[in-house]
Amino acid sequence: MAGNDRRDSDDDLGVVLETRPKTQRPPLYKVMILNDDYTPMEFVVHVLERFFGLSHAQAFELMLTVHKKGLAVVGVFSFEVAETKVVQVMDFARRHQHPLQCTMEKE
């Protein structure tokens, strides 16, 4: 019966532990709208609703923040999404002949 004891055998299989590198979250970027003296407030509200999915009330409050403080963060996104939003807003403003500025910076 001693021959059936597996604990004495030399062919035990060990467990291989693989260390996986921890993936880092991509950096996030703040998209900001800047105040100017020429772009109508209602146009800014429309931009916030259209490109950032805000309700009319939210967009109006954020537009007032831009107007009073000179700029406001309108969203935080991955680089690609932030860049796309900035380009969309700037292109839309240019097509409607408004000098509205939209920018992004790393959070």
N, C-alpha and C. Protein backbone atom coordinates (compact mmCIF):
# COMPACT_ATOMS: atom_id res chain seq x y z
N MET A 1 0.80 -1.19 0.00
CA MET A 1 0.00 0.00 0.00
C MET A 1 0.85 1.26 0.00
N ALA A 2 2.07 1.17 0.43
CA ALA A 2 2.92 2.33 0.43
C ALA A 2 3.22 2.80 -0.99
N GLY A 3 3.15 1.94 -1.99
CA GLY A 3 3.42 2.30 -3.36
C GLY A 3 2.33 3.18 -3.97
N ASN A 4 1.16 3.23 -3.38
CA ASN A 4 0.06 4.03 -3.91
C ASN A 4 0.03 5.45 -3.35
N ASP A 5 0.97 5.81 -2.48
CA ASP A 5 0.99 7.13 -1.85
C ASP A 5 1.61 8.14 -2.82
N ARG A 6 0.83 9.06 -3.31
CA ARG A 6 1.29 10.01 -4.32
C ARG A 6 2.15 11.11 -3.72
N ARG A 7 2.10 11.31 -2.42
CA ARG A 7 2.86 12.39 -1.82
C ARG A 7 4.37 12.15 -1.89
N ASP A 8 4.76 10.91 -2.03
CA ASP A 8 6.19 10.60 -2.09
C ASP A 8 6.73 10.70 -3.50
N SER A 9 5.90 10.91 -4.48
CA SER A 9 6.35 10.90 -5.86
C SER A 9 7.08 12.20 -6.20
N ASP A 10 8.04 12.13 -7.12
CA ASP A 10 8.84 13.29 -7.52
C ASP A 10 8.23 14.01 -8.72
N ASP A 11 7.12 13.53 -9.28
CA ASP A 11 6.55 14.17 -10.46
C ASP A 11 5.37 15.09 -10.12
N ASP A 12 5.42 15.75 -8.97
CA ASP A 12 4.37 16.72 -8.61
C ASP A 12 4.40 17.90 -9.59
N LEU A 13 3.25 18.33 -9.94
CA LEU A 13 3.15 19.48 -10.83
C LEU A 13 3.07 20.74 -9.97
N GLY A 14 3.90 21.72 -10.30
CA GLY A 14 3.88 22.99 -9.58
C GLY A 14 2.94 23.97 -10.28
N VAL A 15 2.55 24.97 -9.58
CA VAL A 15 1.70 26.01 -10.14
C VAL A 15 2.59 27.13 -10.62
N VAL A 16 2.44 27.49 -11.86
CA VAL A 16 3.22 28.59 -12.42
C VAL A 16 2.44 29.88 -12.20
N LEU A 17 3.06 30.81 -11.54
CA LEU A 17 2.42 32.09 -11.29
C LEU A 17 2.95 33.10 -12.29
N GLU A 18 2.05 33.62 -13.10
CA GLU A 18 2.45 34.65 -14.06
C GLU A 18 2.06 36.00 -13.48
N THR A 19 2.99 36.90 -13.50
CA THR A 19 2.64 38.24 -13.05
C THR A 19 2.21 39.04 -14.27
N ARG A 20 1.04 39.58 -14.17
CA ARG A 20 0.52 40.39 -15.26
C ARG A 20 0.81 41.85 -14.97
N PRO A 21 1.28 42.55 -15.98
CA PRO A 21 1.51 43.98 -15.75
C PRO A 21 0.17 44.68 -15.54
N LYS A 22 0.14 45.60 -14.61
CA LYS A 22 -1.10 46.33 -14.36
C LYS A 22 -1.29 47.36 -15.47
N THR A 23 -2.47 47.34 -16.03
CA THR A 23 -2.75 48.32 -17.07
C THR A 23 -3.17 49.62 -16.43
N GLN A 24 -2.66 50.69 -16.97
CA GLN A 24 -3.00 52.00 -16.44
C GLN A 24 -4.16 52.57 -17.23
N ARG A 25 -4.99 53.31 -16.55
CA ARG A 25 -6.08 54.01 -17.23
C ARG A 25 -5.46 55.13 -18.07
N PRO A 26 -6.03 55.37 -19.23
CA PRO A 26 -5.49 56.47 -20.05
C PRO A 26 -5.73 57.80 -19.35
N PRO A 27 -4.86 58.76 -19.59
CA PRO A 27 -5.07 60.07 -18.96
C PRO A 27 -6.35 60.71 -19.50
N LEU A 28 -6.97 61.52 -18.66
CA LEU A 28 -8.19 62.20 -19.06
C LEU A 28 -7.89 63.66 -19.36
N TYR A 29 -8.73 64.24 -20.20
CA TYR A 29 -8.54 65.63 -20.64
C TYR A 29 -9.81 66.43 -20.39
N LYS A 30 -9.63 67.63 -19.87
CA LYS A 30 -10.74 68.54 -19.63
C LYS A 30 -10.99 69.33 -20.91
N VAL A 31 -12.23 69.40 -21.30
CA VAL A 31 -12.62 70.24 -22.44
C VAL A 31 -13.24 71.50 -21.84
N MET A 32 -12.74 72.65 -22.30
CA MET A 32 -13.18 73.93 -21.74
C MET A 32 -13.67 74.85 -22.85
N ILE A 33 -14.67 75.63 -22.51
CA ILE A 33 -15.15 76.68 -23.42
C ILE A 33 -14.76 78.01 -22.80
N LEU A 34 -14.25 78.90 -23.66
CA LEU A 34 -13.79 80.21 -23.20
C LEU A 34 -14.78 81.30 -23.60
N ASN A 35 -14.87 82.29 -22.76
CA ASN A 35 -15.77 83.40 -23.00
C ASN A 35 -15.18 84.36 -24.04
N ASP A 36 -16.05 84.98 -24.80
CA ASP A 36 -15.64 86.08 -25.68
C ASP A 36 -16.78 87.08 -25.68
N ASP A 37 -16.52 88.23 -26.25
CA ASP A 37 -17.52 89.32 -26.23
C ASP A 37 -18.46 89.30 -27.42
N TYR A 38 -18.35 88.32 -28.30
CA TYR A 38 -19.11 88.35 -29.55
C TYR A 38 -20.06 87.19 -29.75
N THR A 39 -19.73 86.01 -29.25
CA THR A 39 -20.59 84.85 -29.45
C THR A 39 -21.87 85.00 -28.62
N PRO A 40 -23.02 84.88 -29.25
CA PRO A 40 -24.28 84.99 -28.49
C PRO A 40 -24.41 83.87 -27.45
N MET A 41 -24.99 84.24 -26.33
CA MET A 41 -25.16 83.26 -25.24
C MET A 41 -25.99 82.06 -25.69
N GLU A 42 -27.02 82.32 -26.48
CA GLU A 42 -27.88 81.22 -26.93
C GLU A 42 -27.13 80.25 -27.84
N PHE A 43 -26.15 80.75 -28.59
CA PHE A 43 -25.33 79.88 -29.42
C PHE A 43 -24.50 78.95 -28.54
N VAL A 44 -23.94 79.48 -27.47
CA VAL A 44 -23.15 78.66 -26.54
C VAL A 44 -24.04 77.59 -25.90
N VAL A 45 -25.25 77.96 -25.53
CA VAL A 45 -26.19 76.99 -24.97
C VAL A 45 -26.46 75.89 -25.99
N HIS A 46 -26.67 76.27 -27.23
CA HIS A 46 -26.92 75.29 -28.30
C HIS A 46 -25.72 74.34 -28.46
N VAL A 47 -24.52 74.87 -28.43
CA VAL A 47 -23.30 74.05 -28.55
C VAL A 47 -23.23 73.04 -27.40
N LEU A 48 -23.50 73.51 -26.20
CA LEU A 48 -23.43 72.63 -25.03
C LEU A 48 -24.48 71.51 -25.10
N GLU A 49 -25.64 71.84 -25.60
CA GLU A 49 -26.69 70.82 -25.75
C GLU A 49 -26.32 69.83 -26.85
N ARG A 50 -25.87 70.36 -27.97
CA ARG A 50 -25.61 69.51 -29.15
C ARG A 50 -24.39 68.61 -29.00
N PHE A 51 -23.28 69.16 -28.52
CA PHE A 51 -22.03 68.40 -28.50
C PHE A 51 -21.71 67.75 -27.16
N PHE A 52 -22.37 68.19 -26.10
CA PHE A 52 -22.04 67.64 -24.79
C PHE A 52 -23.24 66.99 -24.11
N GLY A 53 -24.37 66.96 -24.81
CA GLY A 53 -25.53 66.23 -24.33
C GLY A 53 -26.18 66.79 -23.07
N LEU A 54 -26.03 68.08 -22.85
CA LEU A 54 -26.62 68.69 -21.67
C LEU A 54 -28.07 69.08 -21.92
N SER A 55 -28.84 69.10 -20.85
CA SER A 55 -30.21 69.61 -20.96
C SER A 55 -30.13 71.12 -21.14
N HIS A 56 -31.25 71.72 -21.51
CA HIS A 56 -31.25 73.17 -21.71
C HIS A 56 -30.87 73.89 -20.42
N ALA A 57 -31.41 73.43 -19.30
CA ALA A 57 -31.13 74.06 -18.00
C ALA A 57 -29.66 73.92 -17.63
N GLN A 58 -29.09 72.73 -17.83
CA GLN A 58 -27.67 72.52 -17.53
C GLN A 58 -26.80 73.39 -18.43
N ALA A 59 -27.14 73.43 -19.71
CA ALA A 59 -26.36 74.21 -20.67
C ALA A 59 -26.43 75.70 -20.34
N PHE A 60 -27.59 76.16 -19.93
CA PHE A 60 -27.75 77.57 -19.58
C PHE A 60 -26.89 77.92 -18.37
N GLU A 61 -26.91 77.07 -17.35
CA GLU A 61 -26.10 77.31 -16.15
C GLU A 61 -24.60 77.32 -16.49
N LEU A 62 -24.18 76.39 -17.31
CA LEU A 62 -22.76 76.32 -17.70
C LEU A 62 -22.36 77.52 -18.54
N MET A 63 -23.26 77.96 -19.43
CA MET A 63 -23.00 79.16 -20.23
C MET A 63 -22.82 80.37 -19.33
N LEU A 64 -23.63 80.48 -18.28
CA LEU A 64 -23.48 81.59 -17.34
C LEU A 64 -22.14 81.53 -16.62
N THR A 65 -21.69 80.32 -16.29
CA THR A 65 -20.37 80.16 -15.67
C THR A 65 -19.27 80.63 -16.61
N VAL A 66 -19.37 80.25 -17.87
CA VAL A 66 -18.40 80.71 -18.87
C VAL A 66 -18.43 82.23 -18.95
N HIS A 67 -19.63 82.79 -18.99
CA HIS A 67 -19.79 84.24 -19.12
C HIS A 67 -19.21 84.99 -17.91
N LYS A 68 -19.45 84.48 -16.71
CA LYS A 68 -19.01 85.17 -15.49
C LYS A 68 -17.55 84.92 -15.14
N LYS A 69 -17.08 83.69 -15.36
CA LYS A 69 -15.72 83.34 -14.93
C LYS A 69 -14.70 83.34 -16.05
N GLY A 70 -15.14 83.45 -17.28
CA GLY A 70 -14.21 83.49 -18.40
C GLY A 70 -13.99 82.15 -19.07
N LEU A 71 -14.25 81.06 -18.36
CA LEU A 71 -14.16 79.72 -18.95
C LEU A 71 -14.84 78.74 -18.02
N ALA A 72 -15.14 77.58 -18.56
CA ALA A 72 -15.73 76.51 -17.75
C ALA A 72 -15.36 75.17 -18.36
N VAL A 73 -15.15 74.19 -17.50
CA VAL A 73 -14.94 72.82 -17.96
C VAL A 73 -16.31 72.26 -18.32
N VAL A 74 -16.43 71.79 -19.54
CA VAL A 74 -17.72 71.28 -20.01
C VAL A 74 -17.75 69.76 -20.08
N GLY A 75 -16.61 69.12 -19.85
CA GLY A 75 -16.56 67.67 -19.83
C GLY A 75 -15.15 67.18 -19.66
N VAL A 76 -15.03 65.91 -19.24
CA VAL A 76 -13.73 65.26 -19.08
C VAL A 76 -13.79 63.95 -19.85
N PHE A 77 -12.83 63.77 -20.76
CA PHE A 77 -12.88 62.65 -21.69
C PHE A 77 -11.48 62.08 -21.92
N SER A 78 -11.44 60.94 -22.60
CA SER A 78 -10.16 60.42 -23.08
C SER A 78 -9.63 61.38 -24.14
N PHE A 79 -8.36 61.25 -24.48
CA PHE A 79 -7.74 62.18 -25.43
C PHE A 79 -8.51 62.26 -26.74
N GLU A 80 -8.83 61.10 -27.31
CA GLU A 80 -9.46 61.07 -28.62
C GLU A 80 -10.84 61.73 -28.61
N VAL A 81 -11.61 61.45 -27.57
CA VAL A 81 -12.95 62.02 -27.48
C VAL A 81 -12.86 63.52 -27.25
N ALA A 82 -11.96 63.94 -26.36
CA ALA A 82 -11.79 65.37 -26.08
C ALA A 82 -11.37 66.11 -27.34
N GLU A 83 -10.41 65.56 -28.05
CA GLU A 83 -9.93 66.20 -29.28
C GLU A 83 -11.04 66.32 -30.31
N THR A 84 -11.84 65.27 -30.44
CA THR A 84 -12.95 65.29 -31.39
C THR A 84 -13.96 66.36 -31.02
N LYS A 85 -14.29 66.46 -29.75
CA LYS A 85 -15.27 67.47 -29.30
C LYS A 85 -14.75 68.88 -29.57
N VAL A 86 -13.47 69.13 -29.29
CA VAL A 86 -12.89 70.45 -29.54
C VAL A 86 -12.98 70.79 -31.02
N VAL A 87 -12.62 69.86 -31.87
CA VAL A 87 -12.66 70.10 -33.32
C VAL A 87 -14.11 70.34 -33.77
N GLN A 88 -15.04 69.56 -33.26
CA GLN A 88 -16.45 69.73 -33.66
C GLN A 88 -16.97 71.11 -33.26
N VAL A 89 -16.69 71.51 -32.02
CA VAL A 89 -17.17 72.81 -31.54
C VAL A 89 -16.54 73.95 -32.34
N MET A 90 -15.23 73.88 -32.54
CA MET A 90 -14.53 74.94 -33.26
C MET A 90 -15.03 75.03 -34.71
N ASP A 91 -15.23 73.90 -35.35
CA ASP A 91 -15.72 73.89 -36.72
C ASP A 91 -17.14 74.45 -36.80
N PHE A 92 -17.99 74.04 -35.87
CA PHE A 92 -19.37 74.51 -35.84
C PHE A 92 -19.42 76.02 -35.62
N ALA A 93 -18.60 76.52 -34.70
CA ALA A 93 -18.56 77.97 -34.43
C ALA A 93 -18.07 78.73 -35.66
N ARG A 94 -17.03 78.21 -36.30
CA ARG A 94 -16.49 78.86 -37.49
C ARG A 94 -17.53 78.91 -38.61
N ARG A 95 -18.25 77.80 -38.82
CA ARG A 95 -19.27 77.76 -39.87
C ARG A 95 -20.39 78.75 -39.61
N HIS A 96 -20.63 79.06 -38.33
CA HIS A 96 -21.68 80.03 -37.98
C HIS A 96 -21.09 81.42 -37.72
N GLN A 97 -19.84 81.59 -38.07
CA GLN A 97 -19.13 82.86 -37.98
C GLN A 97 -19.10 83.45 -36.57
N HIS A 98 -18.81 82.56 -35.61
CA HIS A 98 -18.64 83.00 -34.22
C HIS A 98 -17.21 82.69 -33.78
N PRO A 99 -16.63 83.56 -32.96
CA PRO A 99 -15.24 83.34 -32.52
C PRO A 99 -15.12 82.45 -31.27
N LEU A 100 -16.14 81.66 -30.98
CA LEU A 100 -16.12 80.81 -29.79
C LEU A 100 -14.87 79.93 -29.77
N GLN A 101 -14.23 79.88 -28.63
CA GLN A 101 -13.02 79.07 -28.48
C GLN A 101 -13.30 77.89 -27.54
N CYS A 102 -12.79 76.75 -27.94
CA CYS A 102 -12.90 75.53 -27.15
C CYS A 102 -11.51 74.92 -27.11
N THR A 103 -11.08 74.49 -25.94
CA THR A 103 -9.74 73.95 -25.79
C THR A 103 -9.77 72.75 -24.85
N MET A 104 -8.64 72.07 -24.75
CA MET A 104 -8.53 70.93 -23.84
C MET A 104 -7.18 70.96 -23.15
N GLU A 105 -7.16 70.37 -21.96
CA GLU A 105 -5.89 70.22 -21.26
C GLU A 105 -5.95 68.97 -20.40
N LYS A 106 -4.77 68.41 -20.15
CA LYS A 106 -4.68 67.19 -19.38
C LYS A 106 -5.16 67.45 -17.96
N GLU A 107 -5.94 66.52 -17.43
CA GLU A 107 -6.48 66.70 -16.08
C GLU A 107 -5.42 66.46 -15.03
